[in-house]
Amino acid sequence: MSRKALLGNVTDNDLRLLRVFRAVVACGGFAAAELELNINRSTISRHIKDLETRLGFTLCRRGRGGFALTGEGAQLYGSTQKVMAAMEDFQHEVNDINQRLTGSLAIAIFDKTASNPACHIDRALAAFDHVAPGVHLQMHVEPINAIERGVMEGRFHLGVIPDHRPSSSLRYYRLFDEQMYLYCAAGHALFGSAPGQPASSDIQACKYVGIGYHSPNMEITRQRGQQRDATAWDQEAVAHLILSGRYIGYLPQHYAAGFVGEQRLQPLRPDIFQYVCQFSAIVRQSPPPSRVVETLLETLVASHGSPA
């Protein structure tokens, strides 16, 4: 496809095509985007072709090998996310002027928090829906670094993450804690150890799975002198590796409780190998949060009995 610059101003039709493109990428292909967009695959294909013609470059490859973005398509997707986030911010600002709590609100949370008895995000969402029933919520589950980056870039209006290293670009509102213990599974050599056993040196000699991005897990791994023999990117992946019986690793107590009850997991020396994660809601420092986001923050803080 021959290259040419985008001609003229960005039109309403361009924005409509960009929304289609964003949905296709988010869904992972044309077929999956049909339900999200409520239009058929041939129409989606035509819209993407029209956008490629308008821009002068190919956005994605589609065929037997599946759907994949080109390098240019990946760059455009990042820019599209920023444009759509800016438009949503504008809508929130206009609604603030009109004193209306409407529009869309994108929230990103860290995984495996729903079973934590100290986590009351559900109560906060219920309270928020009472005061802002016209707001369309978009809930995402992402790793810590993806949540922070998304909030800073405006793709997420609010995030909930374990505290690990503060950023001057974000504001933090402490919500709840999470207890972490080191676990092994049935079939592991240390499973069935008596209280006070085994020795720390025996535990440190075991194959260990840790989180692969900066997090409280990474910090405690360094403090305990444990070397990663496997790397995971979320709690579910950690659990699978521990349950294989070949690795030990940290899991939230509330998440592991069911496996412990089934005698599939056992904590190892909880007197030593444990730590507490503090979870906070985050929003970006600038521009300041809209009234809709501030309202959700208020319900989150109030639902957790946290100081403002």
Protein backbone atom coordinates (compact mmCIF):
# COMPACT_ATOMS: atom_id res chain seq x y z
CA MET A 1 0.00 0.00 0.00
CA SER A 2 1.45 3.35 -1.02
CA ARG A 3 2.17 5.77 1.83
CA LYS A 4 0.59 9.18 2.10
CA ALA A 5 -0.07 11.61 4.91
CA LEU A 6 -3.48 11.84 6.54
CA LEU A 7 -5.16 14.61 4.56
CA GLY A 8 -7.16 17.42 6.06
CA ASN A 9 -8.68 17.52 9.53
CA VAL A 10 -9.72 14.48 11.52
CA THR A 11 -13.40 13.97 10.79
CA ASP A 12 -16.24 12.32 12.70
CA ASN A 13 -15.96 9.42 10.27
CA ASP A 14 -12.25 9.07 11.09
CA LEU A 15 -13.10 8.83 14.79
CA ARG A 16 -15.78 6.23 14.04
CA LEU A 17 -13.26 4.14 12.09
CA LEU A 18 -10.72 4.49 14.90
CA ARG A 19 -13.31 3.21 17.38
CA VAL A 20 -13.86 0.16 15.17
CA PHE A 21 -10.10 -0.37 14.93
CA ARG A 22 -9.71 -0.10 18.72
CA ALA A 23 -12.48 -2.66 19.28
CA VAL A 24 -10.94 -5.11 16.78
CA VAL A 25 -7.56 -4.93 18.53
CA ALA A 26 -9.08 -5.18 22.01
CA CYS A 27 -11.12 -8.23 20.98
CA GLY A 28 -8.23 -9.88 19.16
CA GLY A 29 -9.72 -10.03 15.69
CA PHE A 30 -12.66 -9.35 13.40
CA ALA A 31 -14.81 -12.31 14.43
CA ALA A 32 -14.57 -11.54 18.15
CA ALA A 33 -15.33 -7.85 17.49
CA GLU A 34 -18.69 -8.65 15.86
CA LEU A 35 -20.48 -8.99 19.20
CA GLU A 36 -18.73 -5.96 20.72
CA LEU A 37 -19.57 -3.68 17.77
CA ASN A 38 -22.87 -5.35 16.83
CA ILE A 39 -21.97 -5.26 13.14
CA ASN A 40 -21.02 -8.13 10.81
CA ARG A 41 -17.50 -9.14 9.92
CA SER A 42 -17.64 -7.91 6.32
CA THR A 43 -18.66 -4.42 7.51
CA ILE A 44 -15.84 -4.42 10.07
CA SER A 45 -13.38 -5.47 7.35
CA ARG A 46 -14.59 -2.67 5.10
CA HIS A 47 -14.20 -0.11 7.89
CA ILE A 48 -10.62 -1.23 8.58
CA LYS A 49 -9.85 -1.11 4.84
CA ASP A 50 -11.30 2.41 4.67
CA LEU A 51 -9.13 3.48 7.61
CA GLU A 52 -6.02 1.96 6.00
CA THR A 53 -6.80 3.81 2.78
CA ARG A 54 -7.33 7.04 4.68
CA LEU A 55 -4.04 6.68 6.56
CA GLY A 56 -1.94 5.24 3.77
CA PHE A 57 -0.56 2.18 5.55
CA THR A 58 -1.56 -1.35 6.52
CA LEU A 59 -2.84 -1.78 10.08
CA CYS A 60 -3.10 -5.54 10.49
CA ARG A 61 -2.61 -8.93 8.89
CA ARG A 62 -5.53 -11.29 8.79
CA GLY A 63 -5.70 -14.77 7.39
CA ARG A 64 -5.00 -18.39 8.28
CA GLY A 65 -2.23 -17.28 10.62
CA GLY A 66 -4.73 -15.29 12.66
CA PHE A 67 -4.99 -11.60 13.44
CA ALA A 68 -1.83 -9.56 14.05
CA LEU A 69 -1.02 -5.85 14.07
CA THR A 70 1.68 -4.45 11.83
CA GLY A 71 4.30 -2.18 13.40
CA GLU A 72 2.38 0.83 12.13
CA GLY A 73 -0.86 -0.64 13.42
CA ALA A 74 0.60 -1.10 16.92
CA GLN A 75 1.75 2.54 16.94
CA LEU A 76 -1.65 3.74 15.77
CA TYR A 77 -3.39 1.64 18.42
CA GLY A 78 -1.37 3.38 21.16
CA SER A 79 -2.24 6.78 19.69
CA THR A 80 -5.89 5.77 19.35
CA GLN A 81 -6.03 4.82 23.03
CA LYS A 82 -4.72 8.25 23.97
CA VAL A 83 -7.19 10.06 21.68
CA MET A 84 -10.16 8.12 23.05
CA ALA A 85 -9.02 8.71 26.64
CA ALA A 86 -8.74 12.45 25.93
CA MET A 87 -12.24 12.47 24.46
CA GLU A 88 -13.63 10.70 27.53
CA ASP A 89 -11.86 13.22 29.78
CA PHE A 90 -13.46 16.03 27.75
CA GLN A 91 -16.87 14.42 28.16
CA HIS A 92 -16.36 14.16 31.92
CA GLU A 93 -15.34 17.83 32.10
CA VAL A 94 -18.47 18.88 30.20
CA ASN A 95 -20.58 16.71 32.48
CA ASP A 96 -18.89 18.35 35.48
CA ILE A 97 -19.95 21.74 34.16
CA ASN A 98 -23.51 20.44 33.84
CA GLN A 99 -23.25 18.72 37.26
CA ARG A 100 -24.09 15.38 35.65
CA LEU A 101 -22.57 12.03 36.60
CA THR A 102 -22.64 10.27 33.24
CA GLY A 103 -20.24 8.87 30.65
CA SER A 104 -17.83 5.92 30.78
CA LEU A 105 -15.39 5.15 33.57
CA ALA A 106 -12.47 2.75 33.00
CA ILE A 107 -11.22 1.00 36.16
CA ALA A 108 -8.25 -1.39 36.32
CA ILE A 109 -7.67 -3.68 39.31
CA PHE A 110 -4.98 -6.17 40.26
CA ASP A 111 -5.99 -9.83 40.00
CA LYS A 112 -7.40 -12.12 42.70
CA THR A 113 -8.78 -9.41 45.00
CA ALA A 114 -12.48 -10.37 45.02
CA SER A 115 -11.99 -13.21 47.56
CA ASN A 116 -10.08 -10.99 50.00
CA PRO A 117 -12.41 -10.38 52.99
CA ALA A 118 -10.70 -7.02 53.55
CA CYS A 119 -11.49 -5.89 49.99
CA HIS A 120 -14.81 -4.05 49.67
CA ILE A 121 -14.62 -2.87 46.06
CA ASP A 122 -18.01 -4.51 45.51
CA ARG A 123 -19.58 -2.32 48.22
CA ALA A 124 -17.99 0.75 46.68
CA LEU A 125 -19.37 -0.11 43.24
CA ALA A 126 -22.84 -0.61 44.70
CA ALA A 127 -22.69 2.75 46.49
CA PHE A 128 -21.36 4.42 43.34
CA ASP A 129 -24.19 3.01 41.22
CA HIS A 130 -26.72 4.53 43.63
CA VAL A 131 -25.34 8.05 43.12
CA ALA A 132 -24.23 7.68 39.48
CA PRO A 133 -26.52 5.15 37.77
CA GLY A 134 -25.89 6.74 34.36
CA VAL A 135 -22.16 5.96 34.35
CA HIS A 136 -21.04 3.02 32.18
CA LEU A 137 -18.29 1.13 34.04
CA GLN A 138 -15.48 -0.66 32.19
CA MET A 139 -13.60 -3.09 34.47
CA HIS A 140 -10.13 -4.41 33.58
CA VAL A 141 -7.79 -6.82 35.38
CA GLU A 142 -4.13 -6.02 34.66
CA PRO A 143 -0.63 -6.37 36.15
CA ILE A 144 0.62 -3.54 38.39
CA ASN A 145 2.83 -1.89 35.78
CA ALA A 146 0.09 -1.97 33.14
CA ILE A 147 -2.38 -0.34 35.57
CA GLU A 148 0.08 2.41 36.52
CA ARG A 149 0.95 3.12 32.90
CA GLY A 150 -2.70 3.09 31.86
CA VAL A 151 -3.69 5.56 34.60
CA MET A 152 -0.77 7.87 33.75
CA GLU A 153 -1.71 7.80 30.05
CA GLY A 154 -5.40 8.33 30.76
CA ARG A 155 -6.58 4.97 29.39
CA PHE A 156 -7.76 4.04 32.90
CA HIS A 157 -9.44 6.67 35.05
CA LEU A 158 -8.65 4.80 38.27
CA GLY A 159 -6.60 1.79 39.34
CA VAL A 160 -6.34 -0.46 42.39
CA ILE A 161 -2.85 -1.89 42.97
CA PRO A 162 -0.55 -3.25 45.68
CA ASP A 163 1.77 -0.45 46.82
CA HIS A 164 5.37 -1.04 45.75
CA ARG A 165 7.11 2.17 44.68
CA PRO A 166 5.36 5.56 44.65
CA SER A 167 5.25 7.70 41.53
CA SER A 168 5.08 11.49 41.60
CA SER A 169 2.66 11.28 38.66
CA LEU A 170 0.02 9.48 40.75
CA ARG A 171 -2.16 10.13 43.80
CA TYR A 172 -2.64 7.24 46.25
CA TYR A 173 -5.63 6.37 48.48
CA ARG A 174 -5.00 3.44 50.81
CA LEU A 175 -7.82 0.88 50.82
CA PHE A 176 -7.03 -2.58 52.28
CA ASP A 177 -4.29 -5.11 53.07
CA GLU A 178 -3.57 -8.60 51.76
CA GLN A 179 -1.67 -11.32 53.66
CA MET A 180 0.80 -13.34 51.58
CA TYR A 181 2.32 -16.71 52.54
CA LEU A 182 4.80 -19.05 50.86
CA TYR A 183 3.16 -22.32 49.70
CA CYS A 184 4.09 -25.75 48.44
CA ALA A 185 1.73 -28.37 47.00
CA ALA A 186 0.95 -32.01 47.58
CA GLY A 187 3.69 -34.01 45.92
CA HIS A 188 6.40 -31.52 46.83
CA ALA A 189 9.23 -32.79 49.02
CA LEU A 190 8.37 -30.27 51.78
CA PHE A 191 4.62 -30.96 51.82
CA GLY A 192 3.51 -32.32 55.20
CA SER A 193 6.31 -30.59 57.12
CA ALA A 194 5.65 -30.20 60.84
CA PRO A 195 5.20 -26.72 62.43
CA GLY A 196 8.55 -24.97 62.75
CA GLN A 197 9.98 -27.10 59.95
CA PRO A 198 11.68 -27.16 57.49
CA ALA A 199 14.77 -25.01 57.93
CA SER A 200 14.99 -21.77 56.00
CA SER A 201 17.97 -23.12 54.08
CA ASP A 202 15.90 -26.09 52.88
CA ILE A 203 13.17 -23.75 51.68
CA GLN A 204 15.65 -21.49 49.90
CA ALA A 205 17.08 -24.53 48.09
CA CYS A 206 13.67 -25.31 46.49
CA LYS A 207 12.70 -24.26 42.98
CA TYR A 208 10.84 -20.97 43.34
CA VAL A 209 8.33 -19.11 41.16
CA GLY A 210 8.20 -15.32 41.44
CA ILE A 211 6.45 -12.41 39.78
CA GLY A 212 8.40 -10.99 36.84
CA TYR A 213 7.74 -7.26 37.25
CA HIS A 214 8.44 -4.76 40.02
CA SER A 215 6.05 -5.60 42.85
CA PRO A 216 6.00 -6.44 46.57
CA ASN A 217 6.65 -10.05 45.49
CA MET A 218 9.86 -9.03 43.74
CA GLU A 219 10.97 -7.03 46.79
CA ILE A 220 10.42 -9.90 49.24
CA THR A 221 12.16 -12.30 46.82
CA ARG A 222 15.28 -10.14 47.00
CA GLN A 223 15.07 -9.75 50.78
CA ARG A 224 14.76 -13.51 51.33
CA GLY A 225 17.60 -14.29 48.93
CA GLN A 226 15.38 -16.49 46.75
CA GLN A 227 16.28 -16.95 43.10
CA ARG A 228 13.49 -17.32 40.53
CA ASP A 229 13.51 -20.68 38.76
CA ALA A 230 10.24 -19.79 37.02
CA THR A 231 8.59 -16.44 36.30
CA ALA A 232 4.87 -15.70 36.34
CA TRP A 233 2.91 -12.57 35.48
CA ASP A 234 -0.18 -13.03 37.64
CA GLN A 235 -1.39 -14.96 40.69
CA GLU A 236 -3.18 -17.60 38.64
CA ALA A 237 0.05 -18.51 36.87
CA VAL A 238 1.88 -18.69 40.21
CA ALA A 239 -0.80 -21.04 41.54
CA HIS A 240 -0.51 -23.40 38.55
CA LEU A 241 3.25 -23.68 38.99
CA ILE A 242 2.97 -24.31 42.74
CA LEU A 243 0.23 -26.90 42.21
CA SER A 244 2.55 -28.78 39.83
CA GLY A 245 4.43 -29.89 42.95
CA ARG A 246 7.73 -28.70 41.49
CA TYR A 247 7.82 -25.10 42.72
CA ILE A 248 7.12 -23.05 45.83
CA GLY A 249 5.79 -19.49 45.69
CA TYR A 250 3.80 -16.78 47.41
CA LEU A 251 0.01 -16.52 47.14
CA PRO A 252 -2.63 -14.42 48.92
CA GLN A 253 -3.94 -16.28 51.96
CA HIS A 254 -7.58 -15.76 50.92
CA TYR A 255 -6.90 -17.13 47.43
CA ALA A 256 -4.95 -20.17 48.68
CA ALA A 257 -7.47 -20.99 51.43
CA GLY A 258 -9.61 -23.25 49.23
CA PHE A 259 -6.58 -25.26 48.10
CA VAL A 260 -5.37 -25.53 51.71
CA GLY A 261 -8.80 -26.80 52.77
CA GLU A 262 -8.60 -29.45 50.06
CA GLN A 263 -5.09 -30.38 51.31
CA ARG A 264 -3.59 -29.44 47.96
CA LEU A 265 -1.47 -26.57 49.35
CA GLN A 266 0.41 -25.97 52.60
CA PRO A 267 2.08 -22.76 53.87
CA LEU A 268 5.80 -23.07 54.53
CA ARG A 269 7.15 -21.50 57.74
CA PRO A 270 4.47 -18.76 57.90
CA ASP A 271 6.38 -17.31 60.86
CA ILE A 272 9.19 -16.31 58.49
CA PHE A 273 8.10 -16.53 54.86
CA GLN A 274 5.22 -14.07 54.75
CA TYR A 275 4.50 -10.42 54.00
CA VAL A 276 1.60 -7.99 53.80
CA CYS A 277 0.59 -6.05 50.68
CA GLN A 278 -1.10 -2.68 51.08
CA PHE A 279 -3.57 -1.91 48.29
CA SER A 280 -4.35 1.62 47.16
CA ALA A 281 -6.58 3.32 44.64
CA ILE A 282 -4.56 5.44 42.21
CA VAL A 283 -5.43 8.35 39.93
CA ARG A 284 -3.13 10.63 38.00
CA GLN A 285 -1.96 13.91 39.48
CA SER A 286 -2.61 16.00 36.37
CA PRO A 287 -5.08 16.77 35.03
CA PRO A 288 -7.07 16.43 38.26
CA PRO A 289 -9.76 13.73 38.37
CA SER A 290 -13.22 14.58 37.09
CA ARG A 291 -16.18 14.74 39.45
CA VAL A 292 -17.19 11.22 38.35
CA VAL A 293 -13.77 9.82 39.31
CA GLU A 294 -13.74 11.79 42.57
CA THR A 295 -17.14 10.32 43.41
CA LEU A 296 -15.87 6.78 42.87
CA LEU A 297 -12.80 7.55 44.99
CA GLU A 298 -15.03 8.78 47.80
CA THR A 299 -17.09 5.56 47.74
CA LEU A 300 -13.93 3.41 47.67
CA VAL A 301 -12.38 5.20 50.64
CA ALA A 302 -15.64 5.21 52.61
CA SER A 303 -16.31 1.50 51.89
CA HIS A 304 -12.90 0.55 53.29
CA GLY A 305 -13.05 2.89 56.28
CA SER A 306 -9.81 4.48 55.09
CA PRO A 307 -8.65 8.02 55.85
CA ALA A 308 -8.99 10.37 52.85
